[in-house]
Amino acid sequence: MRSQHIWTERDEQGSKREVRATKFGGTWRLQAKTAGDLDWTYYERPLLDDLLALKGILVRKYHRRRASSEDVASVEKLIADQTGAES
């Protein structure tokens, strides 16, 4: 089953950036687009800030029973893999 989470953020210059995280077949795929861009940027290795934001979103959704604990755990594993931390 597909799981999709979308959020927007602003950088230091005030540019709006939309990020989409989709989980399909047990694999997370993140893409982002800045205001004014025509094409989406697909990340083979997602940015750590995006993964941390996704984790925060999933934890809040999990508390409201709108996300699974497996989704939270899989994102925590991606973060640990990127930071080199033990899980």
Protein backbone atom coordinates (compact mmCIF):
# COMPACT_ATOMS: atom_id res chain seq x y z
CA MET A 1 0.00 0.00 0.00
CA ARG A 2 1.26 3.44 -0.88
CA SER A 3 1.87 6.01 1.82
CA GLN A 4 2.46 9.66 0.89
CA HIS A 5 3.34 12.66 3.04
CA ILE A 6 3.70 16.22 1.72
CA TRP A 7 4.99 19.34 3.46
CA THR A 8 6.29 22.80 2.60
CA GLU A 9 9.07 24.84 4.15
CA ARG A 10 10.82 28.14 3.54
CA ASP A 11 14.58 28.64 3.30
CA GLU A 12 16.62 31.59 4.58
CA GLN A 13 15.80 33.66 1.49
CA GLY A 14 12.09 33.00 1.87
CA SER A 15 11.80 30.62 -1.11
CA LYS A 16 9.08 28.06 -0.70
CA ARG A 17 10.08 24.39 -1.08
CA GLU A 18 7.62 21.51 -1.32
CA VAL A 19 8.75 18.01 -0.34
CA ARG A 20 6.93 14.75 -1.06
CA ALA A 21 7.81 11.47 0.60
CA THR A 22 6.23 8.32 -0.78
CA LYS A 23 6.60 4.80 0.55
CA PHE A 24 5.80 2.07 -1.93
CA GLY A 25 6.87 -1.54 -1.70
CA GLY A 26 8.74 -0.86 1.54
CA THR A 27 10.98 1.79 -0.05
CA TRP A 28 10.87 5.53 0.66
CA ARG A 29 11.26 7.93 -2.26
CA LEU A 30 11.67 11.64 -1.60
CA GLN A 31 11.32 14.43 -4.12
CA ALA A 32 11.37 18.19 -3.78
CA LYS A 33 10.64 21.27 -5.84
CA THR A 34 11.39 24.90 -5.13
CA ALA A 35 8.88 27.57 -6.14
CA GLY A 36 9.57 28.49 -9.73
CA ASP A 37 11.14 25.15 -10.68
CA LEU A 38 9.42 23.21 -13.41
CA ASP A 39 10.78 19.76 -12.56
CA TRP A 40 10.94 17.76 -9.36
CA THR A 41 14.29 16.74 -7.92
CA TYR A 42 14.32 13.05 -7.02
CA TYR A 43 16.78 12.08 -4.30
CA GLU A 44 18.57 8.76 -4.46
CA ARG A 45 19.96 9.59 -1.02
CA PRO A 46 17.46 11.90 0.73
CA LEU A 47 18.70 14.97 2.60
CA LEU A 48 19.07 14.45 6.34
CA ASP A 49 16.90 17.51 7.09
CA ASP A 50 14.11 16.05 4.95
CA LEU A 51 14.34 12.71 6.75
CA LEU A 52 14.18 14.42 10.14
CA ALA A 53 11.14 16.43 9.04
CA LEU A 54 9.49 13.25 7.73
CA LYS A 55 10.16 11.49 11.03
CA GLY A 56 8.50 14.36 12.92
CA ILE A 57 5.46 14.19 10.64
CA LEU A 58 5.19 10.43 10.98
CA VAL A 59 5.48 10.52 14.78
CA ARG A 60 2.67 13.08 14.99
CA LYS A 61 0.53 11.03 12.58
CA TYR A 62 1.32 7.85 14.52
CA HIS A 63 -0.03 9.42 17.72
CA ARG A 64 -3.25 10.17 15.84
CA ARG A 65 -3.29 6.61 14.38
CA ARG A 66 -2.76 7.92 10.85
CA ALA A 67 0.68 6.27 10.34
CA SER A 68 2.15 2.92 11.30
CA SER A 69 4.96 2.21 13.71
CA GLU A 70 6.72 0.40 10.84
CA ASP A 71 6.84 3.66 8.85
CA VAL A 72 8.40 5.48 11.81
CA ALA A 73 10.94 2.67 12.32
CA SER A 74 11.90 2.58 8.63
CA VAL A 75 12.59 6.34 8.58
CA GLU A 76 14.57 6.07 11.82
CA LYS A 77 16.68 3.37 10.13
CA LEU A 78 17.31 5.65 7.12
CA ILE A 79 18.41 8.42 9.49
CA ALA A 80 20.70 6.03 11.38
CA ASP A 81 22.19 4.80 8.09
CA GLN A 82 22.95 8.37 7.00
CA THR A 83 24.41 9.51 10.30
CA GLY A 84 26.29 6.29 10.94
CA ALA A 85 24.58 5.89 14.31
CA GLU A 86 23.72 2.54 15.80
CA SER A 87 20.03 1.73 15.90
